[in-house]
Amino acid sequence: MLNDRQELQAISAVAPQRAGALTLLTLAAGFVMAMIDVTAVNTALSDIATDLRVPLSGLVWVVDGYTLTFAALLLAGGALGDRFGARNAYLAGLGIFLLGSVLCALAPDGVSLTAARLLQGAGAAVFLPSSLSLLTHTFDDDKVRARMVGTWSAMVATASAAGPLAGGILVHAFGWRSVFWVNVPIGLLGIVLALRLIRPVPPQPRPLPLASHLLGMLALAGLSFVLIEGPVLGWLSAPVLGALAATLAVAGTLAWRERRAAHPLLPRALFATPAFAAVNGTGFFINLGVFGQLFLLSLYLQQRGAGALGTGLSLLPMMAAFIAGNFSSGRITSRVGMRKPLLGGLSVGAAMGLVLLALAWTVPDVPFGVLLAVIVVMNLGVGVAIPAMTASALQVAGKAHANSAAAALNANRQIGALVGVALMGSLLHALPAWDARLPAGFLAVALAFALAWRLVYRHVHV
């Protein structure tokens, strides 16, 4: 039997753990909602195309429209979190995302759906940096923070893994619009929990360079147009060449402004070491491979006759592999640091990408189960690398620049996702049959993970 003092000590030990777990759940709610939406939408593409008469390029816009504003406004989201307080920005972002979700569910055509996806991306861009910043301020100990970041990433990966299956079930039972309606209860729960549990972080006002943010968004919009419409209109067509020229001009203007600006988009202190830029490049290439692969395989399965539910079931094991990798990463990182999990996970990802390329190239009509087994191993390795990458970025930046570092890392990750989906769309347009499309897609995935490995090997030593 425990005496009164022992009981009080036991309660005191358990209470912070429960509070920390609930806080972590609250801060993960927004991104969990966003990731369910991203992966579930992939299983609904065939139904959206049929119901709204959306062509392949339109489907790419439905996926990349969200990613476009998400990536373009993430830096602004980090600045807004600093300016108005991280908790306020988190709540505002959740509200915007919920509004976009309702408009997606009510969309009468492909253009309206893409516009609502742009609004969803804007909301996600506001709440995501503040989520990671609040996580950093809540857990002070480096090892505890690394473990919490790993758990946070695992929760997000769980949502990603559940997304295809949940989307398949929802689309099969209630139609594709239910994929967006499901965000409403999750978002409302996140808002209520944040109001009750998350303490405000004092604002750290800094100038908001609106012109630079606008230039960044225009550059990404131009890049998206070139990559998505190039295969449709022709790479040498006047609209595509004009968009390319405008994109280069805008990007050049942005670079010129940033070198001379008194208040650049990112604090210059972040670039005092090459490690921060390398981690951001790593995030770009990882997401290029992950989301390009997801888009490619979703359409591959649906073209082979799998419905939304069948596609969700088929994608579930490959997405679930991320969960196992993420959960393992926190423990591994706390013991051996961040460099080894990054290098090891990316090595596995690149090697398995080459195995997939060989299988798709040499084995006619290779069974999907064979591909799936290799993809599971690949995603397991990459799943280990992702939390280590996030923890590396936050450690390099420190608390003073946590918002900006989180925004920069996730902006580059979302740009990678945008380019990955657009690249796969270009390959699907350019190549006539799946016996050529699959090898080309797997080659792109293997190269992405290999380039990420090289950046880590040369520049990241935390």
Protein backbone atom coordinates (compact mmCIF):
# COMPACT_ATOMS: atom_id res chain seq x y z
CA MET A 1 0.00 0.00 0.00
CA LEU A 2 1.19 3.53 -0.78
CA ASN A 3 1.20 6.15 1.95
CA ASP A 4 -0.14 9.66 1.33
CA ARG A 5 3.25 11.10 0.43
CA GLN A 6 3.97 8.33 -2.08
CA GLU A 7 0.55 8.80 -3.65
CA LEU A 8 1.18 12.54 -4.00
CA GLN A 9 4.59 11.87 -5.56
CA ALA A 10 3.06 9.41 -8.02
CA ILE A 11 0.35 11.89 -8.99
CA SER A 12 2.94 14.65 -9.35
CA ALA A 13 4.99 12.46 -11.69
CA VAL A 14 2.04 11.44 -13.86
CA ALA A 15 0.31 14.82 -14.12
CA PRO A 16 3.07 16.58 -16.11
CA GLN A 17 3.28 13.61 -18.45
CA ARG A 18 -0.45 13.77 -19.11
CA ALA A 19 -0.33 17.54 -19.53
CA GLY A 20 2.60 17.22 -21.92
CA ALA A 21 0.84 14.54 -23.95
CA LEU A 22 -2.34 16.59 -24.22
CA THR A 23 -0.35 19.70 -25.15
CA LEU A 24 1.43 17.71 -27.83
CA LEU A 25 -1.91 16.44 -29.15
CA THR A 26 -3.23 19.99 -29.28
CA LEU A 27 -0.23 21.31 -31.22
CA ALA A 28 -0.34 18.39 -33.64
CA ALA A 29 -4.08 18.73 -34.35
CA GLY A 30 -3.72 21.34 -37.08
CA PHE A 31 -1.02 19.57 -39.05
CA VAL A 32 -2.74 16.22 -38.52
CA MET A 33 -5.85 17.70 -40.12
CA ALA A 34 -3.81 19.10 -42.99
CA MET A 35 -2.00 15.81 -43.64
CA ILE A 36 -5.20 13.76 -43.58
CA ASP A 37 -6.55 16.20 -46.15
CA VAL A 38 -3.47 15.98 -48.39
CA THR A 39 -3.27 12.20 -48.51
CA ALA A 40 -7.02 11.58 -48.55
CA VAL A 41 -7.42 13.87 -51.57
CA ASN A 42 -5.14 11.60 -53.58
CA THR A 43 -7.58 8.72 -53.20
CA ALA A 44 -10.44 10.96 -54.36
CA LEU A 45 -8.78 12.18 -57.59
CA SER A 46 -10.60 9.77 -59.89
CA ASP A 47 -13.99 10.66 -58.40
CA ILE A 48 -13.26 14.38 -58.56
CA ALA A 49 -12.23 14.04 -62.21
CA THR A 50 -15.45 12.20 -63.06
CA ASP A 51 -17.84 14.36 -61.04
CA LEU A 52 -16.41 17.78 -61.93
CA ARG A 53 -14.95 16.81 -65.33
CA VAL A 54 -11.42 17.79 -64.32
CA PRO A 55 -8.55 16.80 -66.69
CA LEU A 56 -5.14 15.52 -65.50
CA SER A 57 -3.65 19.02 -65.38
CA GLY A 58 -6.65 20.13 -63.31
CA LEU A 59 -6.05 17.30 -60.86
CA VAL A 60 -2.45 18.43 -60.49
CA TRP A 61 -3.75 21.94 -59.70
CA VAL A 62 -6.15 20.51 -57.09
CA VAL A 63 -3.19 18.88 -55.32
CA ASP A 64 -0.62 21.63 -55.94
CA GLY A 65 -2.97 24.59 -55.37
CA TYR A 66 -2.96 23.78 -51.68
CA THR A 67 0.81 23.30 -51.70
CA LEU A 68 1.38 26.56 -53.59
CA THR A 69 -0.09 28.90 -50.99
CA PHE A 70 1.14 26.71 -48.16
CA ALA A 71 4.74 27.02 -49.37
CA ALA A 72 4.51 30.65 -50.47
CA LEU A 73 3.00 31.96 -47.22
CA LEU A 74 4.86 29.86 -44.64
CA LEU A 75 7.50 32.53 -44.11
CA ALA A 76 4.77 35.12 -43.68
CA GLY A 77 3.11 32.73 -41.25
CA GLY A 78 6.27 32.59 -39.17
CA ALA A 79 6.51 36.40 -39.15
CA LEU A 80 2.84 36.69 -38.15
CA GLY A 81 3.46 34.29 -35.28
CA ASP A 82 6.30 36.50 -34.07
CA ARG A 83 4.31 39.70 -34.56
CA PHE A 84 0.99 38.72 -32.98
CA GLY A 85 1.95 35.79 -30.78
CA ALA A 86 2.30 32.14 -31.74
CA ARG A 87 -0.96 31.03 -30.11
CA ASN A 88 -3.00 33.74 -31.85
CA ALA A 89 -1.50 32.82 -35.22
CA TYR A 90 -2.18 29.13 -34.58
CA LEU A 91 -5.85 29.80 -33.85
CA ALA A 92 -6.26 32.12 -36.84
CA GLY A 93 -4.68 29.60 -39.18
CA LEU A 94 -6.99 26.84 -38.00
CA GLY A 95 -10.00 29.08 -38.64
CA ILE A 96 -8.87 29.91 -42.19
CA PHE A 97 -8.21 26.25 -42.93
CA LEU A 98 -11.68 25.29 -41.72
CA LEU A 99 -13.28 27.90 -43.98
CA GLY A 100 -11.30 26.61 -46.96
CA SER A 101 -12.36 23.04 -46.15
CA VAL A 102 -16.05 23.99 -46.16
CA LEU A 103 -15.64 25.79 -49.50
CA CYS A 104 -13.88 22.72 -50.95
CA ALA A 105 -16.77 20.53 -49.85
CA LEU A 106 -19.24 22.88 -51.57
CA ALA A 107 -17.21 23.46 -54.76
CA PRO A 108 -19.35 23.25 -57.95
CA ASP A 109 -16.43 22.89 -60.40
CA GLY A 110 -12.69 22.34 -60.67
CA VAL A 111 -11.81 26.04 -60.64
CA SER A 112 -13.78 26.66 -57.44
CA LEU A 113 -12.22 23.60 -55.84
CA THR A 114 -8.70 24.79 -56.71
CA ALA A 115 -9.48 28.27 -55.33
CA ALA A 116 -10.71 26.77 -52.05
CA ARG A 117 -7.57 24.62 -51.91
CA LEU A 118 -5.52 27.82 -52.17
CA LEU A 119 -7.36 29.13 -49.09
CA GLN A 120 -6.71 25.88 -47.22
CA GLY A 121 -3.01 26.23 -47.97
CA ALA A 122 -2.99 29.81 -46.67
CA GLY A 123 -4.52 28.67 -43.37
CA ALA A 124 -2.02 25.86 -43.00
CA ALA A 125 0.82 28.30 -43.67
CA VAL A 126 -0.31 30.42 -40.73
CA PHE A 127 -0.79 27.68 -38.14
CA LEU A 128 2.11 25.33 -38.91
CA PRO A 129 5.11 27.53 -37.93
CA SER A 130 3.36 28.54 -34.72
CA SER A 131 2.69 24.89 -33.91
CA LEU A 132 6.39 24.05 -33.97
CA SER A 133 7.30 27.27 -32.19
CA LEU A 134 4.84 26.56 -29.37
CA LEU A 135 6.32 23.07 -29.14
CA THR A 136 9.81 24.55 -28.75
CA HIS A 137 8.72 26.97 -26.04
CA THR A 138 6.76 24.33 -24.13
CA PHE A 139 9.57 21.75 -23.75
CA ASP A 140 12.85 23.29 -22.59
CA ASP A 141 15.14 20.27 -22.29
CA ASP A 142 16.92 19.44 -25.58
CA LYS A 143 16.46 15.67 -25.23
CA VAL A 144 12.81 16.00 -24.23
CA ARG A 145 12.24 18.38 -27.13
CA ALA A 146 13.88 15.98 -29.58
CA ARG A 147 11.65 13.18 -28.30
CA MET A 148 8.56 15.37 -28.52
CA VAL A 149 9.43 16.46 -32.05
CA GLY A 150 9.78 12.80 -32.97
CA THR A 151 6.40 12.03 -31.41
CA TRP A 152 4.85 15.08 -33.10
CA SER A 153 6.19 13.88 -36.43
CA ALA A 154 4.91 10.38 -35.71
CA MET A 155 1.43 11.73 -35.03
CA VAL A 156 1.53 13.62 -38.31
CA ALA A 157 2.79 10.50 -40.08
CA THR A 158 -0.02 8.49 -38.49
CA ALA A 159 -2.50 10.95 -39.97
CA SER A 160 -0.74 10.67 -43.33
CA ALA A 161 -0.91 6.88 -43.17
CA ALA A 162 -4.55 6.93 -42.14
CA GLY A 163 -5.40 9.51 -44.79
CA PRO A 164 -5.58 7.21 -47.83
CA LEU A 165 -7.65 4.61 -46.00
CA ALA A 166 -9.88 7.20 -44.35
CA GLY A 167 -10.27 8.95 -47.68
CA GLY A 168 -11.07 5.69 -49.44
CA ILE A 169 -13.73 4.80 -46.87
CA LEU A 170 -15.24 8.28 -46.93
CA VAL A 171 -15.29 8.52 -50.73
CA HIS A 172 -16.70 5.02 -51.06
CA ALA A 173 -19.46 5.63 -48.49
CA PHE A 174 -20.26 9.34 -48.81
CA GLY A 175 -18.56 10.73 -51.93
CA TRP A 176 -15.42 12.81 -52.40
CA ARG A 177 -16.80 15.90 -50.66
CA SER A 178 -16.74 14.10 -47.33
CA VAL A 179 -12.93 14.20 -47.50
CA PHE A 180 -13.18 17.92 -46.76
CA TRP A 181 -16.12 17.81 -44.33
CA VAL A 182 -14.11 15.56 -42.01
CA ASN A 183 -11.75 18.48 -41.31
CA VAL A 184 -14.48 20.41 -39.49
CA PRO A 185 -14.65 18.39 -36.23
CA ILE A 186 -10.85 17.97 -36.10
CA GLY A 187 -10.28 21.69 -36.56
CA LEU A 188 -12.89 22.69 -34.00
CA LEU A 189 -11.36 20.31 -31.46
CA GLY A 190 -7.93 21.82 -32.10
CA ILE A 191 -9.25 25.34 -31.51
CA VAL A 192 -10.99 24.40 -28.25
CA LEU A 193 -7.94 22.56 -26.89
CA ALA A 194 -5.58 25.39 -27.86
CA LEU A 195 -7.75 27.96 -26.04
CA ARG A 196 -7.82 25.80 -22.92
CA LEU A 197 -4.29 24.37 -22.76
CA ILE A 198 -1.73 26.47 -24.63
CA ARG A 199 -0.29 29.44 -22.80
CA PRO A 200 0.34 32.54 -24.93
CA VAL A 201 3.90 33.27 -26.02
CA PRO A 202 4.82 36.97 -25.83
CA PRO A 203 4.95 38.57 -29.30
CA GLN A 204 8.34 39.42 -30.76
CA PRO A 205 7.36 42.15 -33.22
CA ARG A 206 9.46 42.40 -36.34
CA PRO A 207 8.81 44.05 -39.68
CA LEU A 208 6.71 42.13 -42.20
CA PRO A 209 8.22 42.62 -45.69
CA LEU A 210 5.01 42.31 -47.68
CA ALA A 211 6.68 43.05 -51.02
CA SER A 212 9.14 40.19 -50.59
CA HIS A 213 6.38 37.78 -49.57
CA LEU A 214 4.36 38.80 -52.62
CA LEU A 215 7.36 38.28 -54.91
CA GLY A 216 7.93 34.84 -53.42
CA MET A 217 4.32 33.86 -54.00
CA LEU A 218 4.40 35.13 -57.59
CA ALA A 219 7.60 33.21 -58.28
CA LEU A 220 6.09 29.97 -56.96
CA ALA A 221 2.86 30.57 -58.87
CA GLY A 222 4.83 31.07 -62.08
CA LEU A 223 6.90 27.94 -61.43
CA SER A 224 3.70 25.97 -60.81
CA PHE A 225 2.18 27.18 -64.05
CA VAL A 226 5.28 26.25 -66.03
CA LEU A 227 5.57 22.77 -64.53
CA ILE A 228 1.85 21.93 -64.70
CA GLU A 229 0.82 23.55 -67.97
CA GLY A 230 4.08 22.97 -69.86
CA PRO A 231 3.17 19.40 -70.89
CA VAL A 232 -0.36 20.50 -71.82
CA LEU A 233 0.30 23.72 -73.76
CA GLY A 234 3.77 22.76 -74.98
CA TRP A 235 7.08 23.67 -73.40
CA LEU A 236 7.84 26.16 -76.18
CA SER A 237 4.38 27.74 -76.27
CA ALA A 238 4.11 31.47 -75.71
CA PRO A 239 2.24 31.25 -72.37
CA VAL A 240 4.74 28.80 -70.90
CA LEU A 241 7.80 30.69 -72.10
CA GLY A 242 6.28 33.96 -70.91
CA ALA A 243 5.54 32.47 -67.50
CA LEU A 244 9.09 31.10 -67.30
CA ALA A 245 10.59 34.49 -68.14
CA ALA A 246 8.35 36.22 -65.61
CA THR A 247 9.22 33.64 -62.95
CA LEU A 248 12.94 34.14 -63.46
CA ALA A 249 12.55 37.92 -63.38
CA VAL A 250 10.50 37.83 -60.18
CA ALA A 251 12.90 35.37 -58.51
CA GLY A 252 15.85 37.56 -59.47
CA THR A 253 14.14 40.64 -58.07
CA LEU A 254 13.42 38.80 -54.83
CA ALA A 255 17.05 37.70 -54.49
CA TRP A 256 18.23 41.26 -55.14
CA ARG A 257 15.87 42.66 -52.51
CA GLU A 258 16.87 40.08 -49.92
CA ARG A 259 20.59 40.85 -50.24
CA ARG A 260 19.93 44.54 -49.57
CA ALA A 261 16.89 44.55 -47.30
CA ALA A 262 17.21 45.86 -43.77
CA HIS A 263 14.65 43.26 -42.69
CA PRO A 264 14.91 40.17 -44.93
CA LEU A 265 12.42 37.33 -45.04
CA LEU A 266 14.72 35.21 -42.88
CA PRO A 267 17.14 36.47 -40.21
CA ARG A 268 20.63 36.45 -41.69
CA ALA A 269 21.90 34.79 -38.52
CA LEU A 270 20.25 31.56 -39.68
CA PHE A 271 22.68 31.34 -42.57
CA ALA A 272 25.80 31.79 -40.47
CA THR A 273 26.35 28.06 -40.90
CA PRO A 274 25.81 26.00 -44.07
CA ALA A 275 23.94 23.43 -41.97
CA PHE A 276 20.71 25.43 -41.98
CA ALA A 277 20.62 25.81 -45.76
CA ALA A 278 21.53 22.14 -46.16
CA VAL A 279 18.71 20.99 -43.87
CA ASN A 280 16.28 23.09 -45.89
CA GLY A 281 17.53 21.56 -49.12
CA THR A 282 17.17 18.14 -47.54
CA GLY A 283 13.55 18.89 -46.70
CA PHE A 284 12.91 19.97 -50.30
CA PHE A 285 14.26 16.74 -51.78
CA ILE A 286 12.60 14.48 -49.21
CA ASN A 287 9.17 15.93 -49.91
CA LEU A 288 9.77 15.86 -53.66
CA GLY A 289 10.31 12.12 -53.40
CA VAL A 290 7.56 11.38 -50.86
CA PHE A 291 4.72 13.35 -52.41
CA GLY A 292 5.75 12.68 -55.99
CA GLN A 293 5.68 8.97 -55.19
CA LEU A 294 2.26 9.26 -53.51
CA PHE A 295 0.71 11.09 -56.48
CA LEU A 296 2.24 8.68 -59.00
CA LEU A 297 1.08 5.54 -57.21
CA SER A 298 -2.39 6.91 -56.44
CA LEU A 299 -3.06 7.49 -60.14
CA TYR A 300 -1.35 4.22 -61.09
CA LEU A 301 -3.68 2.23 -58.84
CA GLN A 302 -6.78 4.08 -59.99
CA GLN A 303 -5.81 3.65 -63.64
CA ARG A 304 -5.54 -0.10 -62.98
CA GLY A 305 -9.16 -0.14 -61.83
CA ALA A 306 -8.80 0.28 -58.06
CA GLY A 307 -11.52 2.50 -56.61
CA ALA A 308 -11.00 5.00 -53.82
CA LEU A 309 -11.28 2.32 -51.13
CA GLY A 310 -8.99 -0.09 -52.95
CA THR A 311 -6.44 2.67 -53.48
CA GLY A 312 -6.57 3.61 -49.81
CA LEU A 313 -6.06 0.03 -48.70
CA SER A 314 -3.17 -0.43 -51.13
CA LEU A 315 -1.44 2.74 -49.98
CA LEU A 316 -1.93 2.08 -46.26
CA PRO A 317 1.17 -0.14 -45.68
CA MET A 318 3.53 2.23 -47.47
CA MET A 319 2.20 5.19 -45.49
CA ALA A 320 2.21 3.24 -42.22
CA ALA A 321 5.94 2.63 -42.70
CA PHE A 322 6.47 6.34 -42.00
CA ILE A 323 4.88 5.87 -38.56
CA ALA A 324 7.32 3.14 -37.57
CA GLY A 325 10.22 5.22 -38.82
CA ASN A 326 9.06 8.36 -37.03
CA PHE A 327 8.50 6.60 -33.72
CA SER A 328 11.94 5.00 -33.95
CA SER A 329 13.61 8.27 -34.86
CA GLY A 330 13.02 10.01 -31.55
CA ARG A 331 14.73 7.24 -29.58
CA ILE A 332 17.58 6.90 -32.08
CA THR A 333 18.20 10.65 -32.21
CA SER A 334 18.31 11.01 -28.42
CA ARG A 335 21.06 8.35 -28.31
CA VAL A 336 23.27 8.96 -31.34
CA GLY A 337 22.45 12.48 -32.47
CA MET A 338 20.76 13.61 -35.67
CA ARG A 339 23.36 13.04 -38.38
CA LYS A 340 23.40 9.23 -38.31
CA PRO A 341 19.60 8.79 -38.56
CA LEU A 342 19.55 11.30 -41.41
CA LEU A 343 22.30 9.59 -43.39
CA GLY A 344 21.08 6.06 -42.67
CA GLY A 345 17.44 6.77 -43.48
CA LEU A 346 18.23 8.58 -46.71
CA SER A 347 20.65 5.84 -47.78
CA VAL A 348 17.85 3.29 -47.44
CA GLY A 349 15.47 5.58 -49.35
CA ALA A 350 17.82 6.10 -52.29
CA ALA A 351 18.82 2.42 -52.49
CA MET A 352 15.21 1.22 -52.47
CA GLY A 353 14.34 3.80 -55.10
CA LEU A 354 16.91 2.21 -57.39
CA VAL A 355 15.49 -1.25 -56.65
CA LEU A 356 12.04 0.02 -57.65
CA LEU A 357 13.49 1.46 -60.85
CA ALA A 358 15.09 -1.88 -61.70
CA LEU A 359 11.90 -3.82 -60.99
CA ALA A 360 9.65 -1.51 -62.98
CA TRP A 361 12.10 -1.44 -65.90
CA THR A 362 12.89 -5.14 -66.18
CA VAL A 363 9.76 -6.98 -64.99
CA PRO A 364 6.71 -6.58 -67.24
CA ASP A 365 3.55 -5.89 -65.24
CA VAL A 366 5.41 -6.30 -61.95
CA PRO A 367 2.87 -7.21 -59.21
CA PHE A 368 2.02 -4.25 -57.01
CA GLY A 369 2.65 -6.37 -53.92
CA VAL A 370 6.32 -6.68 -54.93
CA LEU A 371 6.61 -2.93 -55.41
CA LEU A 372 4.81 -2.33 -52.14
CA ALA A 373 7.29 -4.45 -50.16
CA VAL A 374 10.19 -2.34 -51.44
CA ILE A 375 8.30 0.92 -50.91
CA VAL A 376 7.62 -0.04 -47.28
CA VAL A 377 11.36 -0.44 -46.65
CA MET A 378 12.08 2.84 -48.43
CA ASN A 379 9.49 4.77 -46.44
CA LEU A 380 10.68 3.24 -43.20
CA GLY A 381 14.15 4.66 -43.80
CA VAL A 382 12.86 8.06 -44.85
CA GLY A 383 10.51 8.03 -41.85
CA VAL A 384 13.53 7.79 -39.55
CA ALA A 385 15.20 10.71 -41.32
CA ILE A 386 12.32 13.22 -41.20
CA PRO A 387 12.13 13.93 -37.43
CA ALA A 388 15.93 14.08 -37.25
CA MET A 389 15.84 16.67 -40.03
CA THR A 390 13.24 18.77 -38.17
CA ALA A 391 15.13 18.57 -34.88
CA SER A 392 18.36 19.56 -36.68
CA ALA A 393 16.76 22.70 -38.08
CA LEU A 394 15.39 23.76 -34.69
CA GLN A 395 18.71 23.09 -32.93
CA VAL A 396 20.70 25.07 -35.49
CA ALA A 397 18.26 27.99 -35.23
CA GLY A 398 17.81 28.09 -31.44
CA LYS A 399 14.81 29.48 -29.60
CA ALA A 400 15.38 33.04 -30.82
CA HIS A 401 14.65 32.07 -34.42
CA ALA A 402 12.42 29.02 -33.91
CA ASN A 403 9.44 30.52 -35.76
CA SER A 404 11.48 31.59 -38.76
CA ALA A 405 13.41 28.31 -38.90
CA ALA A 406 10.22 26.24 -38.75
CA ALA A 407 8.64 28.37 -41.45
CA ALA A 408 11.69 28.15 -43.73
CA LEU A 409 12.06 24.38 -43.35
CA ASN A 410 8.41 23.66 -44.00
CA ALA A 411 8.26 26.16 -46.87
CA ASN A 412 11.08 24.31 -48.59
CA ARG A 413 9.41 20.98 -47.86
CA GLN A 414 6.17 22.17 -49.40
CA ILE A 415 7.98 23.56 -52.44
CA GLY A 416 9.51 20.11 -52.79
CA ALA A 417 6.04 18.54 -52.63
CA LEU A 418 4.76 21.00 -55.22
CA VAL A 419 7.63 20.26 -57.59
CA GLY A 420 7.34 16.50 -56.97
CA VAL A 421 3.64 16.38 -57.89
CA ALA A 422 4.14 18.67 -60.89
CA LEU A 423 7.13 16.61 -62.06
CA MET A 424 5.11 13.41 -61.89
CA GLY A 425 2.30 15.13 -63.78
CA SER A 426 4.78 16.10 -66.49
CA LEU A 427 6.06 12.53 -66.72
CA LEU A 428 2.49 11.20 -67.04
CA HIS A 429 1.82 13.63 -69.88
CA ALA A 430 5.10 12.95 -71.66
CA LEU A 431 5.20 9.16 -71.46
CA PRO A 432 2.42 7.16 -73.12
CA ALA A 433 2.31 4.00 -71.02
CA TRP A 434 2.85 2.92 -67.43
CA ASP A 435 5.75 0.62 -68.32
CA ALA A 436 7.71 3.81 -69.02
CA ARG A 437 6.00 6.07 -66.48
CA LEU A 438 6.79 3.94 -63.43
CA PRO A 439 10.56 3.60 -64.05
CA ALA A 440 10.86 7.32 -64.76
CA GLY A 441 8.95 8.18 -61.61
CA PHE A 442 11.01 5.85 -59.42
CA LEU A 443 14.21 7.27 -60.91
CA ALA A 444 13.11 10.76 -59.87
CA VAL A 445 12.36 9.52 -56.35
CA ALA A 446 15.76 7.78 -56.01
CA LEU A 447 17.61 10.88 -57.23
CA ALA A 448 15.72 13.09 -54.78
CA PHE A 449 16.72 10.98 -51.78
CA ALA A 450 20.30 10.67 -53.04
CA LEU A 451 20.64 14.46 -53.37
CA ALA A 452 19.23 14.89 -49.86
CA TRP A 453 21.82 12.38 -48.56
CA ARG A 454 24.64 14.34 -50.19
CA LEU A 455 23.56 17.61 -48.56
CA VAL A 456 23.49 15.98 -45.13
CA TYR A 457 26.83 14.22 -45.63
CA ARG A 458 28.63 17.42 -46.59
CA HIS A 459 27.04 20.02 -44.33
CA VAL A 460 25.03 18.65 -41.39
CA HIS A 461 27.10 17.56 -38.37
CA VAL A 462 24.73 17.96 -35.39
